[in-house]
Amino acid sequence: MEKIEHLWWSTPVWEIKTDFDTEFNQNLLQETLSMDNKWEREETGQIDIWRNTKHLKYLNTLKNEIIKNISECVLNYYPKEYQPKISLGRGWVNTHKYGEGLNVHGHGKSSLAVVYYIKSPSNCGNLLLVSPLGHSELGWTITPKGTGFKFKEIVPEEGKLVFFPGYVLHMVENNKSYETRVSLTTNTAF
């Protein structure tokens, strides 16, 4: 008897600890704060940090790092004859003070959702990725929150880059630290 296992429905999630240190992240944070009132709004009225940042050293360094890592991790899923061009869509900075988090949401038509942790004090709220397969996916855990969903739990770390398919619903737990958690999020398109 022949048995074949097809792993068609795996949901890849990448966690990458970059070489960016505290000094880099402080400079990146200063750049983003200085841009706060200068960010351009898209036609939808949403802010996009990638617009008019050509001369910003740290944002551009991070942008290049994001594209490099996505290329190294994702493009091997595509045939060699078809290597799509990766472009970053809208990007924004999230700041969460004590008690703040994000409810379950997705990133619509984005190929990948990307988060980079600029400042992540201890106990600042984990990223919870909801398994798109419900209860059947191995390696994901059910949280004690009583939702019945299976989650992949990502612990924020300064300098960590995380990306996953845009269709994956996710949330951020409430920040239980008295310091602000700061992350940069961006959508991507292929």
N, C-alpha and C. Protein backbone atom coordinates (compact mmCIF):
# COMPACT_ATOMS: atom_id res chain seq x y z
N MET A 1 0.84 -1.17 0.00
CA MET A 1 0.00 0.00 0.00
C MET A 1 0.89 1.24 0.00
N GLU A 2 0.56 2.19 -0.84
CA GLU A 2 1.33 3.43 -0.96
C GLU A 2 0.59 4.56 -0.25
N LYS A 3 1.32 5.31 0.56
CA LYS A 3 0.75 6.47 1.24
C LYS A 3 1.58 7.69 0.88
N ILE A 4 0.90 8.75 0.55
CA ILE A 4 1.56 10.01 0.20
C ILE A 4 1.02 11.10 1.11
N GLU A 5 1.91 11.84 1.71
CA GLU A 5 1.51 12.98 2.54
C GLU A 5 1.76 14.26 1.76
N HIS A 6 0.72 15.06 1.60
CA HIS A 6 0.84 16.36 0.93
C HIS A 6 0.76 17.46 1.99
N LEU A 7 1.78 18.22 2.11
CA LEU A 7 1.80 19.33 3.07
C LEU A 7 1.43 20.62 2.35
N TRP A 8 0.26 20.64 1.78
CA TRP A 8 -0.18 21.79 0.99
C TRP A 8 -0.48 23.01 1.82
N TRP A 9 -0.96 22.83 3.01
CA TRP A 9 -1.55 23.95 3.73
C TRP A 9 -0.68 24.44 4.88
N SER A 10 0.60 24.29 4.78
CA SER A 10 1.44 24.82 5.85
C SER A 10 1.39 26.35 5.83
N THR A 11 1.57 26.94 6.98
CA THR A 11 1.57 28.40 7.11
C THR A 11 2.94 28.83 7.63
N PRO A 12 3.80 29.28 6.74
CA PRO A 12 5.14 29.67 7.21
C PRO A 12 5.09 30.97 8.01
N VAL A 13 5.91 31.01 9.04
CA VAL A 13 6.11 32.20 9.86
C VAL A 13 7.61 32.31 10.05
N TRP A 14 8.18 33.47 9.76
CA TRP A 14 9.61 33.65 9.89
C TRP A 14 9.90 34.60 11.05
N GLU A 15 10.87 34.23 11.89
CA GLU A 15 11.39 35.08 12.95
C GLU A 15 12.88 35.22 12.72
N ILE A 16 13.35 36.44 12.59
CA ILE A 16 14.76 36.67 12.31
C ILE A 16 15.31 37.67 13.31
N LYS A 17 16.34 37.27 14.01
CA LYS A 17 17.02 38.20 14.93
C LYS A 17 18.07 38.94 14.10
N THR A 18 17.82 40.20 13.83
CA THR A 18 18.75 40.98 13.02
C THR A 18 19.98 41.35 13.85
N ASP A 19 20.96 41.95 13.21
CA ASP A 19 22.15 42.44 13.90
C ASP A 19 21.97 43.87 14.41
N PHE A 20 20.77 44.42 14.24
CA PHE A 20 20.55 45.80 14.69
C PHE A 20 20.55 45.85 16.22
N ASP A 21 21.34 46.75 16.76
CA ASP A 21 21.50 46.86 18.21
C ASP A 21 20.66 48.00 18.78
N THR A 22 20.79 48.22 20.08
CA THR A 22 20.02 49.26 20.77
C THR A 22 20.31 50.64 20.18
N GLU A 23 21.56 50.91 19.86
CA GLU A 23 21.90 52.22 19.28
C GLU A 23 21.20 52.44 17.95
N PHE A 24 21.21 51.41 17.09
CA PHE A 24 20.51 51.50 15.80
C PHE A 24 19.03 51.78 16.05
N ASN A 25 18.43 51.02 16.96
CA ASN A 25 16.99 51.17 17.21
C ASN A 25 16.65 52.52 17.82
N GLN A 26 17.51 53.07 18.67
CA GLN A 26 17.27 54.41 19.20
C GLN A 26 17.31 55.45 18.09
N ASN A 27 18.29 55.31 17.17
CA ASN A 27 18.37 56.23 16.04
C ASN A 27 17.17 56.07 15.10
N LEU A 28 16.75 54.81 14.88
CA LEU A 28 15.57 54.55 14.05
C LEU A 28 14.34 55.18 14.69
N LEU A 29 14.20 55.03 15.99
CA LEU A 29 13.06 55.62 16.70
C LEU A 29 13.09 57.14 16.58
N GLN A 30 14.27 57.75 16.73
CA GLN A 30 14.37 59.21 16.59
C GLN A 30 13.98 59.66 15.18
N GLU A 31 14.43 58.88 14.18
CA GLU A 31 14.05 59.21 12.79
C GLU A 31 12.54 59.13 12.61
N THR A 32 11.93 58.09 13.13
CA THR A 32 10.48 57.95 12.94
C THR A 32 9.72 59.04 13.70
N LEU A 33 10.22 59.41 14.90
CA LEU A 33 9.56 60.47 15.65
C LEU A 33 9.71 61.81 14.94
N SER A 34 10.87 62.05 14.33
CA SER A 34 11.08 63.31 13.62
C SER A 34 10.22 63.39 12.36
N MET A 35 9.85 62.23 11.84
CA MET A 35 9.02 62.19 10.64
C MET A 35 7.53 62.26 10.95
N ASP A 36 7.17 62.14 12.22
CA ASP A 36 5.78 61.98 12.62
C ASP A 36 4.84 62.97 11.94
N ASN A 37 5.20 64.23 11.90
CA ASN A 37 4.32 65.22 11.29
C ASN A 37 4.57 65.41 9.81
N LYS A 38 5.58 64.70 9.26
CA LYS A 38 5.94 64.87 7.86
C LYS A 38 5.53 63.68 7.00
N TRP A 39 5.07 62.59 7.62
CA TRP A 39 4.68 61.43 6.84
C TRP A 39 3.55 61.82 5.90
N GLU A 40 3.63 61.30 4.72
CA GLU A 40 2.58 61.60 3.74
C GLU A 40 1.43 60.64 3.91
N ARG A 41 0.27 61.13 3.63
CA ARG A 41 -0.91 60.28 3.66
C ARG A 41 -1.21 59.80 2.24
N GLU A 42 -1.59 58.53 2.17
CA GLU A 42 -2.02 57.99 0.89
C GLU A 42 -3.37 58.59 0.55
N GLU A 43 -3.86 58.29 -0.63
CA GLU A 43 -5.18 58.79 -1.04
C GLU A 43 -6.26 58.33 -0.08
N THR A 44 -6.02 57.21 0.60
CA THR A 44 -7.00 56.68 1.56
C THR A 44 -6.97 57.46 2.87
N GLY A 45 -6.00 58.33 3.04
CA GLY A 45 -5.86 59.08 4.29
C GLY A 45 -4.98 58.39 5.30
N GLN A 46 -4.45 57.21 4.96
CA GLN A 46 -3.59 56.48 5.89
C GLN A 46 -2.14 56.94 5.75
N ILE A 47 -1.42 56.94 6.86
CA ILE A 47 -0.02 57.34 6.88
C ILE A 47 0.85 56.22 6.32
N ASP A 48 1.89 56.59 5.58
CA ASP A 48 2.85 55.63 5.05
C ASP A 48 4.26 56.14 5.33
N ILE A 49 5.01 55.44 6.20
CA ILE A 49 6.34 55.91 6.56
C ILE A 49 7.35 55.80 5.43
N TRP A 50 7.07 54.99 4.41
CA TRP A 50 8.05 54.79 3.34
C TRP A 50 8.04 55.93 2.33
N ARG A 51 7.07 56.81 2.37
CA ARG A 51 7.03 57.92 1.42
C ARG A 51 8.00 59.02 1.88
N ASN A 52 8.76 59.54 0.96
CA ASN A 52 9.70 60.64 1.22
C ASN A 52 10.70 60.34 2.32
N THR A 53 11.26 59.15 2.31
CA THR A 53 12.27 58.79 3.31
C THR A 53 13.62 58.50 2.65
N LYS A 54 13.81 58.95 1.43
CA LYS A 54 15.04 58.64 0.70
C LYS A 54 16.31 59.01 1.46
N HIS A 55 16.26 60.07 2.23
CA HIS A 55 17.46 60.58 2.89
C HIS A 55 17.54 60.16 4.36
N LEU A 56 16.71 59.22 4.77
CA LEU A 56 16.71 58.78 6.17
C LEU A 56 17.49 57.47 6.28
N LYS A 57 18.66 57.57 6.87
CA LYS A 57 19.61 56.45 6.93
C LYS A 57 19.04 55.20 7.58
N TYR A 58 18.45 55.31 8.74
CA TYR A 58 18.04 54.13 9.51
C TYR A 58 16.78 53.48 8.93
N LEU A 59 15.83 54.28 8.50
CA LEU A 59 14.64 53.72 7.86
C LEU A 59 15.01 52.99 6.57
N ASN A 60 15.91 53.57 5.79
CA ASN A 60 16.33 52.92 4.55
C ASN A 60 17.14 51.65 4.81
N THR A 61 17.96 51.67 5.86
CA THR A 61 18.71 50.47 6.22
C THR A 61 17.75 49.36 6.61
N LEU A 62 16.74 49.68 7.42
CA LEU A 62 15.75 48.69 7.81
C LEU A 62 14.96 48.20 6.59
N LYS A 63 14.58 49.11 5.73
CA LYS A 63 13.84 48.73 4.52
C LYS A 63 14.64 47.72 3.69
N ASN A 64 15.91 47.98 3.49
CA ASN A 64 16.77 47.05 2.73
C ASN A 64 16.90 45.70 3.44
N GLU A 65 16.98 45.72 4.77
CA GLU A 65 17.08 44.48 5.54
C GLU A 65 15.80 43.65 5.41
N ILE A 66 14.66 44.31 5.44
CA ILE A 66 13.38 43.61 5.28
C ILE A 66 13.31 42.94 3.92
N ILE A 67 13.62 43.69 2.87
CA ILE A 67 13.55 43.14 1.51
C ILE A 67 14.55 42.00 1.34
N LYS A 68 15.76 42.15 1.88
CA LYS A 68 16.78 41.09 1.78
C LYS A 68 16.30 39.81 2.44
N ASN A 69 15.76 39.92 3.65
CA ASN A 69 15.32 38.74 4.38
C ASN A 69 14.11 38.08 3.73
N ILE A 70 13.18 38.86 3.25
CA ILE A 70 12.04 38.28 2.55
C ILE A 70 12.52 37.54 1.31
N SER A 71 13.45 38.15 0.57
CA SER A 71 13.99 37.50 -0.63
C SER A 71 14.62 36.16 -0.28
N GLU A 72 15.44 36.14 0.76
CA GLU A 72 16.13 34.91 1.14
C GLU A 72 15.18 33.83 1.63
N CYS A 73 14.09 34.21 2.27
CA CYS A 73 13.18 33.23 2.88
C CYS A 73 12.02 32.82 1.98
N VAL A 74 11.52 33.74 1.18
CA VAL A 74 10.27 33.50 0.48
C VAL A 74 10.44 33.11 -0.98
N LEU A 75 11.44 33.67 -1.63
CA LEU A 75 11.53 33.46 -3.07
C LEU A 75 11.81 32.01 -3.45
N ASN A 76 12.31 31.19 -2.51
CA ASN A 76 12.52 29.79 -2.85
C ASN A 76 11.19 29.03 -2.97
N TYR A 77 10.08 29.66 -2.60
CA TYR A 77 8.75 29.07 -2.79
C TYR A 77 8.29 29.23 -4.24
N TYR A 78 8.98 30.07 -5.00
CA TYR A 78 8.59 30.35 -6.39
C TYR A 78 9.54 29.63 -7.34
N PRO A 79 9.05 29.27 -8.53
CA PRO A 79 9.94 28.66 -9.53
C PRO A 79 11.04 29.63 -9.93
N LYS A 80 12.20 29.09 -10.30
CA LYS A 80 13.33 29.94 -10.69
C LYS A 80 12.98 30.83 -11.89
N GLU A 81 12.07 30.34 -12.73
CA GLU A 81 11.67 31.12 -13.92
C GLU A 81 10.82 32.33 -13.56
N TYR A 82 10.23 32.28 -12.38
CA TYR A 82 9.36 33.38 -11.96
C TYR A 82 9.76 33.83 -10.56
N GLN A 83 10.57 34.84 -10.49
CA GLN A 83 10.97 35.42 -9.21
C GLN A 83 10.33 36.81 -9.11
N PRO A 84 9.24 36.90 -8.37
CA PRO A 84 8.53 38.18 -8.30
C PRO A 84 9.35 39.26 -7.61
N LYS A 85 9.07 40.48 -7.97
CA LYS A 85 9.72 41.63 -7.33
C LYS A 85 8.99 41.94 -6.03
N ILE A 86 9.76 42.08 -4.97
CA ILE A 86 9.19 42.39 -3.66
C ILE A 86 9.15 43.89 -3.48
N SER A 87 7.99 44.39 -3.09
CA SER A 87 7.90 45.82 -2.79
C SER A 87 7.17 46.00 -1.47
N LEU A 88 7.61 46.99 -0.72
CA LEU A 88 6.96 47.28 0.55
C LEU A 88 5.79 48.19 0.29
N GLY A 89 4.67 47.83 0.87
CA GLY A 89 3.48 48.67 0.79
C GLY A 89 3.49 49.68 1.92
N ARG A 90 2.32 50.00 2.38
CA ARG A 90 2.20 50.99 3.46
C ARG A 90 2.90 50.50 4.71
N GLY A 91 3.59 51.41 5.37
CA GLY A 91 4.28 51.11 6.63
C GLY A 91 3.88 52.12 7.69
N TRP A 92 3.89 51.69 8.95
CA TRP A 92 3.51 52.58 10.04
C TRP A 92 4.18 52.13 11.33
N VAL A 93 4.21 53.01 12.31
CA VAL A 93 4.79 52.71 13.61
C VAL A 93 3.66 52.52 14.62
N ASN A 94 3.77 51.44 15.40
CA ASN A 94 2.82 51.15 16.47
C ASN A 94 3.47 51.46 17.81
N THR A 95 2.79 52.21 18.64
CA THR A 95 3.25 52.42 20.01
C THR A 95 2.13 51.98 20.95
N HIS A 96 2.48 51.15 21.91
CA HIS A 96 1.49 50.65 22.86
C HIS A 96 2.00 50.89 24.28
N LYS A 97 1.25 51.69 25.00
CA LYS A 97 1.56 51.98 26.40
C LYS A 97 0.97 50.88 27.28
N TYR A 98 1.17 51.00 28.56
CA TYR A 98 0.64 50.03 29.52
C TYR A 98 -0.86 49.80 29.27
N GLY A 99 -1.24 48.53 29.19
CA GLY A 99 -2.64 48.16 29.02
C GLY A 99 -3.15 48.17 27.59
N GLU A 100 -2.34 48.63 26.65
CA GLU A 100 -2.78 48.69 25.25
C GLU A 100 -2.32 47.47 24.47
N GLY A 101 -3.12 47.06 23.50
CA GLY A 101 -2.80 45.96 22.59
C GLY A 101 -3.58 46.14 21.31
N LEU A 102 -3.67 45.08 20.52
CA LEU A 102 -4.43 45.12 19.26
C LEU A 102 -5.35 43.91 19.20
N ASN A 103 -6.60 44.14 18.80
CA ASN A 103 -7.54 43.05 18.63
C ASN A 103 -7.21 42.23 17.39
N VAL A 104 -7.86 41.11 17.23
CA VAL A 104 -7.63 40.23 16.08
C VAL A 104 -7.93 40.98 14.79
N HIS A 105 -6.98 40.90 13.85
CA HIS A 105 -7.13 41.57 12.56
C HIS A 105 -6.25 40.87 11.53
N GLY A 106 -6.40 41.23 10.28
CA GLY A 106 -5.57 40.72 9.19
C GLY A 106 -5.04 41.88 8.37
N HIS A 107 -4.31 41.56 7.33
CA HIS A 107 -3.74 42.61 6.48
C HIS A 107 -4.25 42.52 5.05
N GLY A 108 -5.49 42.12 4.90
CA GLY A 108 -6.17 42.17 3.61
C GLY A 108 -5.44 41.50 2.48
N LYS A 109 -5.16 42.25 1.44
CA LYS A 109 -4.56 41.71 0.22
C LYS A 109 -3.03 41.69 0.26
N SER A 110 -2.45 42.03 1.38
CA SER A 110 -0.99 42.04 1.49
C SER A 110 -0.43 40.63 1.31
N SER A 111 0.67 40.50 0.57
CA SER A 111 1.32 39.20 0.43
C SER A 111 1.87 38.74 1.76
N LEU A 112 2.56 39.65 2.45
CA LEU A 112 3.11 39.36 3.77
C LEU A 112 2.85 40.54 4.69
N ALA A 113 2.65 40.24 5.96
CA ALA A 113 2.65 41.27 7.00
C ALA A 113 4.00 41.17 7.69
N VAL A 114 4.61 42.30 7.96
CA VAL A 114 5.96 42.35 8.53
C VAL A 114 5.93 43.23 9.77
N VAL A 115 6.60 42.77 10.83
CA VAL A 115 6.75 43.60 12.03
C VAL A 115 8.22 43.57 12.43
N TYR A 116 8.72 44.74 12.82
CA TYR A 116 10.08 44.88 13.33
C TYR A 116 9.97 45.54 14.70
N TYR A 117 10.61 44.93 15.70
CA TYR A 117 10.52 45.45 17.07
C TYR A 117 11.65 46.44 17.34
N ILE A 118 11.25 47.70 17.54
CA ILE A 118 12.21 48.77 17.83
C ILE A 118 12.49 48.83 19.33
N LYS A 119 11.43 48.74 20.12
CA LYS A 119 11.56 48.78 21.58
C LYS A 119 10.56 47.78 22.15
N SER A 120 11.06 46.80 22.88
CA SER A 120 10.17 45.76 23.41
C SER A 120 10.59 45.37 24.82
N PRO A 121 10.12 46.14 25.81
CA PRO A 121 10.44 45.80 27.19
C PRO A 121 9.83 44.45 27.57
N SER A 122 10.35 43.86 28.61
CA SER A 122 9.84 42.58 29.10
C SER A 122 8.35 42.69 29.42
N ASN A 123 7.59 41.67 29.05
CA ASN A 123 6.16 41.56 29.35
C ASN A 123 5.33 42.64 28.64
N CYS A 124 5.75 43.01 27.42
CA CYS A 124 5.07 44.09 26.70
C CYS A 124 3.96 43.60 25.78
N GLY A 125 3.66 42.30 25.80
CA GLY A 125 2.57 41.76 24.99
C GLY A 125 3.08 40.99 23.79
N ASN A 126 2.74 39.71 23.73
CA ASN A 126 3.20 38.87 22.63
C ASN A 126 2.31 39.03 21.40
N LEU A 127 2.88 38.72 20.25
CA LEU A 127 2.15 38.65 19.00
C LEU A 127 1.55 37.26 18.92
N LEU A 128 0.24 37.16 18.71
CA LEU A 128 -0.44 35.87 18.60
C LEU A 128 -0.97 35.72 17.19
N LEU A 129 -0.47 34.72 16.47
CA LEU A 129 -0.90 34.45 15.10
C LEU A 129 -1.93 33.32 15.15
N VAL A 130 -3.11 33.57 14.63
CA VAL A 130 -4.18 32.58 14.65
C VAL A 130 -3.94 31.58 13.54
N SER A 131 -3.95 30.29 13.88
CA SER A 131 -3.78 29.26 12.87
C SER A 131 -4.95 29.29 11.89
N PRO A 132 -4.68 29.41 10.58
CA PRO A 132 -5.77 29.42 9.61
C PRO A 132 -6.46 28.06 9.47
N LEU A 133 -5.88 27.01 10.06
CA LEU A 133 -6.47 25.68 9.98
C LEU A 133 -7.26 25.32 11.22
N GLY A 134 -7.51 26.27 12.08
CA GLY A 134 -8.28 25.98 13.28
C GLY A 134 -7.52 25.05 14.20
N HIS A 135 -8.16 23.95 14.59
CA HIS A 135 -7.58 23.05 15.58
C HIS A 135 -6.70 21.97 14.97
N SER A 136 -6.59 21.91 13.67
CA SER A 136 -5.92 20.75 13.07
C SER A 136 -4.42 20.92 12.85
N GLU A 137 -3.89 22.11 12.99
CA GLU A 137 -2.47 22.31 12.69
C GLU A 137 -1.60 21.95 13.88
N LEU A 138 -0.62 21.10 13.63
CA LEU A 138 0.29 20.68 14.69
C LEU A 138 1.32 21.76 14.96
N GLY A 139 1.79 21.83 16.18
CA GLY A 139 2.85 22.78 16.53
C GLY A 139 2.33 24.13 16.97
N TRP A 140 1.04 24.35 16.94
CA TRP A 140 0.46 25.60 17.40
C TRP A 140 -0.25 25.29 18.71
N THR A 141 -0.34 26.24 19.60
CA THR A 141 -0.92 25.96 20.92
C THR A 141 -2.20 26.74 21.13
N ILE A 142 -3.07 26.16 21.95
CA ILE A 142 -4.29 26.87 22.34
C ILE A 142 -3.94 27.74 23.53
N THR A 143 -4.30 28.99 23.46
CA THR A 143 -4.00 29.90 24.57
C THR A 143 -5.03 29.75 25.67
N PRO A 144 -4.70 30.15 26.86
CA PRO A 144 -5.65 30.04 27.97
C PRO A 144 -6.73 31.12 27.93
N LYS A 145 -6.83 31.84 26.85
CA LYS A 145 -7.77 32.95 26.78
C LYS A 145 -9.20 32.48 26.51
N GLY A 146 -9.39 31.18 26.29
CA GLY A 146 -10.73 30.65 26.12
C GLY A 146 -11.35 30.91 24.76
N THR A 147 -10.57 31.34 23.80
CA THR A 147 -11.13 31.64 22.48
C THR A 147 -11.37 30.39 21.65
N GLY A 148 -10.62 29.33 21.96
CA GLY A 148 -10.72 28.11 21.16
C GLY A 148 -9.83 28.13 19.94
N PHE A 149 -9.19 29.26 19.63
CA PHE A 149 -8.27 29.34 18.50
C PHE A 149 -6.94 28.72 18.87
N LYS A 150 -6.25 28.24 17.85
CA LYS A 150 -4.85 27.86 18.05
C LYS A 150 -4.00 29.05 17.63
N PHE A 151 -2.96 29.32 18.41
CA PHE A 151 -2.10 30.46 18.14
C PHE A 151 -0.65 30.02 18.05
N LYS A 152 0.10 30.73 17.24
CA LYS A 152 1.56 30.69 17.30
C LYS A 152 1.92 31.95 18.06
N GLU A 153 2.65 31.80 19.14
CA GLU A 153 2.97 32.93 20.01
C GLU A 153 4.40 33.39 19.73
N ILE A 154 4.55 34.66 19.42
CA ILE A 154 5.85 35.26 19.13
C ILE A 154 6.17 36.26 20.25
N VAL A 155 7.29 36.04 20.91
CA VAL A 155 7.72 36.96 21.97
C VAL A 155 8.51 38.10 21.33
N PRO A 156 8.09 39.35 21.54
CA PRO A 156 8.81 40.48 20.97
C PRO A 156 10.21 40.60 21.55
N GLU A 157 11.17 40.89 20.69
CA GLU A 157 12.55 41.17 21.11
C GLU A 157 13.06 42.32 20.27
N GLU A 158 13.73 43.23 20.91
CA GLU A 158 14.32 44.36 20.18
C GLU A 158 15.22 43.83 19.08
N GLY A 159 15.00 44.32 17.86
CA GLY A 159 15.82 43.90 16.73
C GLY A 159 15.28 42.68 15.99
N LYS A 160 14.16 42.12 16.45
CA LYS A 160 13.58 40.95 15.79
C LYS A 160 12.66 41.39 14.65
N LEU A 161 12.77 40.67 13.56
CA LEU A 161 11.94 40.87 12.38
C LEU A 161 11.06 39.64 12.24
N VAL A 162 9.76 39.83 12.09
CA VAL A 162 8.82 38.73 11.94
C VAL A 162 7.97 39.00 10.71
N PHE A 163 7.80 37.97 9.86
CA PHE A 163 6.85 38.12 8.76
C PHE A 163 6.11 36.82 8.51
N PHE A 164 4.90 36.99 7.97
CA PHE A 164 3.99 35.88 7.79
C PHE A 164 2.97 36.28 6.72
N PRO A 165 2.25 35.31 6.13
CA PRO A 165 1.27 35.65 5.08
C PRO A 165 0.23 36.64 5.59
N GLY A 166 -0.13 37.57 4.73
CA GLY A 166 -1.07 38.63 5.10
C GLY A 166 -2.45 38.13 5.47
N TYR A 167 -2.81 36.91 5.03
CA TYR A 167 -4.13 36.37 5.35
C TYR A 167 -4.22 35.86 6.79
N VAL A 168 -3.09 35.71 7.47
CA VAL A 168 -3.10 35.16 8.84
C VAL A 168 -3.65 36.21 9.81
N LEU A 169 -4.74 35.86 10.48
CA LEU A 169 -5.28 36.75 11.49
C LEU A 169 -4.34 36.75 12.69
N HIS A 170 -4.23 37.88 13.35
CA HIS A 170 -3.31 37.98 14.47
C HIS A 170 -3.76 39.09 15.42
N MET A 171 -3.18 39.08 16.60
CA MET A 171 -3.47 40.10 17.60
C MET A 171 -2.23 40.34 18.43
N VAL A 172 -2.23 41.41 19.20
CA VAL A 172 -1.14 41.70 20.12
C VAL A 172 -1.73 41.80 21.52
N GLU A 173 -1.16 41.03 22.43
CA GLU A 173 -1.62 41.05 23.81
C GLU A 173 -1.39 42.43 24.42
N ASN A 174 -2.14 42.73 25.45
CA ASN A 174 -1.97 44.01 26.15
C ASN A 174 -0.58 44.10 26.76
N ASN A 175 -0.03 45.29 26.69
CA ASN A 175 1.27 45.58 27.26
C ASN A 175 1.14 45.62 28.79
N LYS A 176 1.86 44.75 29.48
CA LYS A 176 1.82 44.72 30.95
C LYS A 176 3.08 45.35 31.55
N SER A 177 3.88 45.96 30.68
CA SER A 177 5.07 46.67 31.13
C SER A 177 4.69 48.14 31.29
N TYR A 178 5.40 48.84 32.13
CA TYR A 178 5.13 50.27 32.27
C TYR A 178 5.93 51.10 31.27
N GLU A 179 6.66 50.41 30.39
CA GLU A 179 7.36 51.08 29.29
C GLU A 179 6.58 50.86 28.01
N THR A 180 6.73 51.76 27.07
CA THR A 180 6.02 51.67 25.80
C THR A 180 6.70 50.67 24.87
N ARG A 181 5.90 49.82 24.23
CA ARG A 181 6.38 48.92 23.19
C ARG A 181 6.27 49.67 21.86
N VAL A 182 7.34 49.62 21.05
CA VAL A 182 7.34 50.31 19.77
C VAL A 182 7.74 49.31 18.68
N SER A 183 6.92 49.22 17.66
CA SER A 183 7.24 48.35 16.53
C SER A 183 6.90 49.07 15.24
N LEU A 184 7.53 48.60 14.17
CA LEU A 184 7.26 49.14 12.85
C LEU A 184 6.60 48.00 12.06
N THR A 185 5.47 48.28 11.42
CA THR A 185 4.76 47.28 10.66
C THR A 185 4.65 47.75 9.21
N THR A 186 4.75 46.79 8.30
CA THR A 186 4.60 47.13 6.89
C THR A 186 3.95 45.96 6.16
N ASN A 187 3.25 46.28 5.10
CA ASN A 187 2.69 45.27 4.20
C ASN A 187 3.65 45.10 3.03
N THR A 188 3.58 43.95 2.39
CA THR A 188 4.41 43.73 1.21
C THR A 188 3.53 43.23 0.07
N ALA A 189 4.05 43.40 -1.13
CA ALA A 189 3.38 42.89 -2.33
C ALA A 189 4.43 42.23 -3.20
N PHE A 190 4.01 41.18 -3.89
CA PHE A 190 4.91 40.51 -4.85
C PHE A 190 4.37 40.75 -6.25
